[in-house]
């Protein structure tokens, strides 16, 4: 579930975050801090049917490294997560790709 707080109205909404049948995973991806780096990784995830549910990206060192943290539904992924990791690293889209499955 996702909690959304509205401070002005002083209430909190509880919303389902993902389909109950979803298989969730969290990815921590480090890539070069250059234009298009995140798009290349996102394209590879899309090609493998990974459904992005929540993402956060930030620059770690300007012009050097950036990170992207992703919560995704991998229930329709075309391959195992270890294989997905190898595809992304082999394509030089990312410098580092760590993942963990999230129990629902």
N, C-alpha and C. Protein backbone atom coordinates (compact mmCIF):
# COMPACT_ATOMS: atom_id res chain seq x y z
N UNK A 1 0.84 -1.19 0.00
CA UNK A 1 0.00 0.00 0.00
C UNK A 1 0.88 1.24 0.00
N UNK A 2 0.29 2.33 -0.40
CA UNK A 2 0.97 3.61 -0.40
C UNK A 2 0.15 4.56 0.47
N UNK A 3 0.82 5.30 1.34
CA UNK A 3 0.16 6.29 2.17
C UNK A 3 0.42 7.67 1.57
N UNK A 4 -0.66 8.45 1.38
CA UNK A 4 -0.52 9.80 0.86
C UNK A 4 -1.12 10.75 1.89
N UNK A 5 -0.27 11.60 2.44
CA UNK A 5 -0.72 12.55 3.46
C UNK A 5 -1.03 13.90 2.83
N UNK A 6 -2.15 14.48 3.25
CA UNK A 6 -2.51 15.83 2.85
C UNK A 6 -2.50 16.67 4.11
N UNK A 7 -1.44 17.44 4.28
CA UNK A 7 -1.25 18.22 5.50
C UNK A 7 -2.32 19.30 5.64
N UNK A 8 -2.68 19.94 4.55
CA UNK A 8 -3.69 21.00 4.60
C UNK A 8 -5.05 20.48 5.06
N UNK A 9 -5.45 19.32 4.55
CA UNK A 9 -6.74 18.74 4.92
C UNK A 9 -6.64 17.82 6.14
N UNK A 10 -5.43 17.60 6.61
CA UNK A 10 -5.15 16.76 7.77
C UNK A 10 -5.77 15.37 7.64
N UNK A 11 -5.42 14.71 6.51
CA UNK A 11 -5.88 13.35 6.32
C UNK A 11 -4.82 12.53 5.61
N UNK A 12 -5.01 11.23 5.68
CA UNK A 12 -4.10 10.30 5.02
C UNK A 12 -4.94 9.34 4.21
N UNK A 13 -4.54 9.13 2.95
CA UNK A 13 -5.23 8.15 2.10
C UNK A 13 -4.35 6.91 1.98
N UNK A 14 -4.97 5.77 2.00
CA UNK A 14 -4.27 4.50 1.81
C UNK A 14 -4.70 3.96 0.46
N UNK A 15 -3.72 3.77 -0.43
CA UNK A 15 -4.01 3.29 -1.78
C UNK A 15 -3.23 2.02 -2.06
N UNK A 16 -3.81 1.11 -2.83
CA UNK A 16 -3.03 -0.07 -3.22
C UNK A 16 -1.87 0.37 -4.11
N UNK A 17 -0.70 -0.18 -3.86
CA UNK A 17 0.49 0.20 -4.62
C UNK A 17 0.63 -0.62 -5.88
N UNK A 18 0.26 -1.89 -5.79
CA UNK A 18 0.43 -2.78 -6.94
C UNK A 18 -0.68 -3.82 -6.91
N UNK A 19 -0.89 -4.42 -8.04
CA UNK A 19 -1.83 -5.52 -8.16
C UNK A 19 -1.42 -6.62 -7.18
N UNK A 20 -2.38 -7.25 -6.52
CA UNK A 20 -2.03 -8.32 -5.56
C UNK A 20 -1.24 -9.47 -6.20
N UNK A 21 -1.34 -9.65 -7.50
CA UNK A 21 -0.60 -10.71 -8.19
C UNK A 21 0.79 -10.28 -8.64
N UNK A 22 1.13 -9.03 -8.37
CA UNK A 22 2.43 -8.50 -8.81
C UNK A 22 3.57 -9.19 -8.06
N UNK A 23 4.68 -9.32 -8.76
CA UNK A 23 5.92 -9.79 -8.15
C UNK A 23 6.84 -8.58 -8.13
N UNK A 24 7.06 -8.05 -6.94
CA UNK A 24 7.81 -6.80 -6.83
C UNK A 24 9.29 -7.04 -6.61
N UNK A 25 10.08 -6.13 -7.18
CA UNK A 25 11.53 -6.13 -6.99
C UNK A 25 11.99 -4.69 -6.87
N UNK A 26 13.06 -4.50 -6.14
CA UNK A 26 13.68 -3.19 -6.01
C UNK A 26 15.04 -3.25 -6.69
N UNK A 27 15.30 -2.31 -7.59
CA UNK A 27 16.57 -2.23 -8.31
C UNK A 27 17.33 -1.00 -7.82
N UNK A 28 18.62 -1.16 -7.61
CA UNK A 28 19.54 -0.04 -7.35
C UNK A 28 20.52 -0.05 -8.51
N UNK A 29 20.45 0.98 -9.32
CA UNK A 29 21.22 1.03 -10.56
C UNK A 29 22.15 2.25 -10.52
N UNK A 30 23.42 2.01 -10.76
CA UNK A 30 24.39 3.11 -10.86
C UNK A 30 24.82 3.20 -12.31
N UNK A 31 24.84 4.43 -12.81
CA UNK A 31 25.18 4.66 -14.22
C UNK A 31 25.99 5.94 -14.35
N UNK A 32 26.51 6.16 -15.53
CA UNK A 32 27.23 7.40 -15.80
C UNK A 32 26.23 8.56 -15.73
N UNK A 33 26.68 9.68 -15.21
CA UNK A 33 25.85 10.89 -15.16
C UNK A 33 26.01 11.65 -16.47
N UNK A 34 25.38 11.09 -17.51
CA UNK A 34 25.41 11.70 -18.85
C UNK A 34 24.00 11.66 -19.42
N UNK A 35 23.67 12.59 -20.32
CA UNK A 35 22.35 12.56 -20.93
C UNK A 35 22.07 11.23 -21.62
N UNK A 36 20.89 10.68 -21.38
CA UNK A 36 20.46 9.45 -22.03
C UNK A 36 20.79 8.17 -21.29
N UNK A 37 21.61 8.23 -20.23
CA UNK A 37 21.99 7.00 -19.51
C UNK A 37 20.77 6.33 -18.89
N UNK A 38 19.95 7.08 -18.21
CA UNK A 38 18.76 6.51 -17.59
C UNK A 38 17.80 5.98 -18.65
N UNK A 39 17.68 6.67 -19.75
CA UNK A 39 16.79 6.24 -20.84
C UNK A 39 17.24 4.90 -21.42
N UNK A 40 18.55 4.68 -21.52
CA UNK A 40 19.04 3.39 -22.04
C UNK A 40 18.67 2.24 -21.11
N UNK A 41 18.82 2.45 -19.82
CA UNK A 41 18.44 1.41 -18.85
C UNK A 41 16.93 1.20 -18.90
N UNK A 42 16.16 2.28 -18.93
CA UNK A 42 14.70 2.18 -18.98
C UNK A 42 14.24 1.42 -20.23
N UNK A 43 14.89 1.64 -21.34
CA UNK A 43 14.54 0.93 -22.58
C UNK A 43 14.78 -0.56 -22.44
N UNK A 44 15.89 -0.95 -21.82
CA UNK A 44 16.18 -2.37 -21.62
C UNK A 44 15.16 -3.01 -20.68
N UNK A 45 14.76 -2.27 -19.65
CA UNK A 45 13.73 -2.80 -18.75
C UNK A 45 12.41 -2.97 -19.50
N UNK A 46 12.05 -2.00 -20.32
CA UNK A 46 10.81 -2.07 -21.09
C UNK A 46 10.84 -3.23 -22.08
N UNK A 47 11.98 -3.44 -22.75
CA UNK A 47 12.11 -4.54 -23.70
C UNK A 47 11.90 -5.90 -23.04
N UNK A 48 12.13 -5.95 -21.73
CA UNK A 48 11.99 -7.20 -20.99
C UNK A 48 10.71 -7.26 -20.17
N UNK A 49 9.76 -6.38 -20.48
CA UNK A 49 8.43 -6.34 -19.83
C UNK A 49 8.47 -6.08 -18.33
N UNK A 50 9.39 -5.26 -17.89
CA UNK A 50 9.45 -4.85 -16.49
C UNK A 50 8.57 -3.61 -16.35
N UNK A 51 7.61 -3.67 -15.43
CA UNK A 51 6.64 -2.58 -15.22
C UNK A 51 7.12 -1.71 -14.06
N UNK A 52 7.53 -0.48 -14.35
CA UNK A 52 8.03 0.43 -13.33
C UNK A 52 6.87 1.02 -12.54
N UNK A 53 6.92 0.90 -11.21
CA UNK A 53 5.86 1.41 -10.36
C UNK A 53 6.26 2.69 -9.64
N UNK A 54 7.52 2.78 -9.26
CA UNK A 54 8.02 3.96 -8.55
C UNK A 54 9.51 4.08 -8.85
N UNK A 55 9.96 5.30 -9.13
CA UNK A 55 11.39 5.50 -9.40
C UNK A 55 11.87 6.79 -8.76
N UNK A 56 13.14 6.78 -8.41
CA UNK A 56 13.81 7.98 -7.90
C UNK A 56 15.21 7.98 -8.49
N UNK A 57 15.62 9.11 -9.03
CA UNK A 57 16.98 9.21 -9.56
C UNK A 57 17.65 10.44 -8.99
N UNK A 58 18.98 10.36 -8.91
CA UNK A 58 19.76 11.51 -8.42
C UNK A 58 21.19 11.40 -8.90
N UNK A 59 21.83 12.53 -8.99
CA UNK A 59 23.23 12.59 -9.34
C UNK A 59 24.05 12.35 -8.08
N UNK A 60 25.01 11.45 -8.16
CA UNK A 60 25.90 11.21 -7.03
C UNK A 60 27.13 12.11 -7.11
N UNK A 61 27.70 12.20 -8.32
CA UNK A 61 28.82 13.11 -8.58
C UNK A 61 28.63 13.67 -9.97
N UNK A 62 28.41 14.96 -10.06
CA UNK A 62 28.07 15.64 -11.31
C UNK A 62 29.06 15.25 -12.43
N UNK A 63 28.50 14.77 -13.54
CA UNK A 63 29.31 14.40 -14.68
C UNK A 63 30.01 13.05 -14.55
N UNK A 64 29.82 12.38 -13.41
CA UNK A 64 30.49 11.09 -13.17
C UNK A 64 29.48 9.96 -12.96
N UNK A 65 28.73 10.03 -11.86
CA UNK A 65 27.85 8.92 -11.48
C UNK A 65 26.48 9.42 -11.05
N UNK A 66 25.47 8.60 -11.39
CA UNK A 66 24.09 8.85 -10.95
C UNK A 66 23.52 7.52 -10.49
N UNK A 67 22.45 7.59 -9.69
CA UNK A 67 21.79 6.37 -9.28
C UNK A 67 20.30 6.46 -9.57
N UNK A 68 19.72 5.30 -9.78
CA UNK A 68 18.29 5.19 -10.05
C UNK A 68 17.77 4.06 -9.20
N UNK A 69 16.82 4.36 -8.34
CA UNK A 69 16.19 3.35 -7.50
C UNK A 69 14.79 3.11 -8.04
N UNK A 70 14.47 1.85 -8.31
CA UNK A 70 13.23 1.48 -8.98
C UNK A 70 12.50 0.41 -8.18
N UNK A 71 11.20 0.59 -8.01
CA UNK A 71 10.32 -0.47 -7.55
C UNK A 71 9.54 -0.90 -8.78
N UNK A 72 9.58 -2.20 -9.09
CA UNK A 72 8.98 -2.68 -10.33
C UNK A 72 8.22 -3.97 -10.12
N UNK A 73 7.23 -4.18 -10.98
CA UNK A 73 6.53 -5.46 -11.06
C UNK A 73 7.26 -6.27 -12.12
N UNK A 74 7.82 -7.39 -11.71
CA UNK A 74 8.58 -8.23 -12.64
C UNK A 74 7.83 -9.52 -12.99
N UNK A 75 6.52 -9.54 -12.71
CA UNK A 75 5.74 -10.76 -12.95
C UNK A 75 5.67 -11.14 -14.42
N UNK A 76 5.85 -10.17 -15.32
CA UNK A 76 5.80 -10.46 -16.76
C UNK A 76 7.17 -10.33 -17.42
N UNK A 77 8.21 -10.25 -16.60
CA UNK A 77 9.57 -10.12 -17.13
C UNK A 77 9.90 -11.34 -17.98
N UNK A 78 10.54 -11.11 -19.11
CA UNK A 78 10.86 -12.17 -20.06
C UNK A 78 12.01 -13.07 -19.60
N UNK A 79 12.70 -12.70 -18.52
CA UNK A 79 13.84 -13.49 -18.07
C UNK A 79 13.97 -13.41 -16.55
N UNK A 80 14.83 -14.24 -16.01
CA UNK A 80 15.14 -14.20 -14.58
C UNK A 80 15.89 -12.90 -14.28
N UNK A 81 15.81 -12.45 -13.04
CA UNK A 81 16.45 -11.18 -12.68
C UNK A 81 17.97 -11.22 -12.85
N UNK A 82 18.60 -12.35 -12.60
CA UNK A 82 20.05 -12.45 -12.82
C UNK A 82 20.40 -12.25 -14.30
N UNK A 83 19.56 -12.78 -15.17
CA UNK A 83 19.77 -12.62 -16.61
C UNK A 83 19.52 -11.16 -17.01
N UNK A 84 18.48 -10.55 -16.45
CA UNK A 84 18.19 -9.14 -16.71
C UNK A 84 19.39 -8.27 -16.29
N UNK A 85 19.93 -8.56 -15.14
CA UNK A 85 21.11 -7.82 -14.66
C UNK A 85 22.26 -7.94 -15.67
N UNK A 86 22.51 -9.13 -16.15
CA UNK A 86 23.60 -9.34 -17.11
C UNK A 86 23.35 -8.60 -18.42
N UNK A 87 22.09 -8.58 -18.88
CA UNK A 87 21.76 -7.85 -20.11
C UNK A 87 22.05 -6.35 -19.96
N UNK A 88 21.68 -5.81 -18.81
CA UNK A 88 21.87 -4.37 -18.60
C UNK A 88 23.35 -4.05 -18.46
N UNK A 89 24.08 -4.87 -17.73
CA UNK A 89 25.52 -4.62 -17.58
C UNK A 89 26.27 -4.88 -18.88
N UNK A 90 25.88 -5.90 -19.62
CA UNK A 90 26.55 -6.22 -20.90
C UNK A 90 26.33 -5.12 -21.93
N UNK A 91 25.15 -4.49 -21.89
CA UNK A 91 24.85 -3.41 -22.82
C UNK A 91 25.49 -2.10 -22.44
N UNK A 92 26.28 -2.13 -21.35
CA UNK A 92 26.98 -0.94 -20.85
C UNK A 92 26.02 0.21 -20.54
N UNK A 93 24.75 -0.14 -20.26
CA UNK A 93 23.78 0.89 -19.90
C UNK A 93 23.98 1.33 -18.45
N UNK A 94 24.54 0.45 -17.63
CA UNK A 94 24.75 0.76 -16.22
C UNK A 94 26.10 0.24 -15.77
N UNK A 95 26.63 0.87 -14.72
CA UNK A 95 27.90 0.45 -14.13
C UNK A 95 27.66 -0.63 -13.07
N UNK A 96 26.52 -0.55 -12.40
CA UNK A 96 26.20 -1.48 -11.32
C UNK A 96 24.69 -1.69 -11.31
N UNK A 97 24.26 -2.91 -11.05
CA UNK A 97 22.83 -3.23 -11.02
C UNK A 97 22.61 -4.24 -9.91
N UNK A 98 22.01 -3.81 -8.82
CA UNK A 98 21.68 -4.70 -7.71
C UNK A 98 20.17 -4.79 -7.60
N UNK A 99 19.69 -5.92 -7.15
CA UNK A 99 18.24 -6.08 -7.00
C UNK A 99 17.92 -6.95 -5.80
N UNK A 100 16.71 -6.79 -5.32
CA UNK A 100 16.19 -7.69 -4.29
C UNK A 100 14.70 -7.82 -4.53
N UNK A 101 14.19 -9.02 -4.31
CA UNK A 101 12.77 -9.26 -4.42
C UNK A 101 12.09 -8.72 -3.18
N UNK A 102 10.89 -8.22 -3.35
CA UNK A 102 10.11 -7.67 -2.23
C UNK A 102 8.93 -8.57 -1.99
N UNK A 103 8.80 -9.05 -0.78
CA UNK A 103 7.65 -9.90 -0.44
C UNK A 103 6.43 -9.04 -0.26
N UNK A 104 5.31 -9.52 -0.78
CA UNK A 104 4.05 -8.78 -0.66
C UNK A 104 3.16 -9.47 0.33
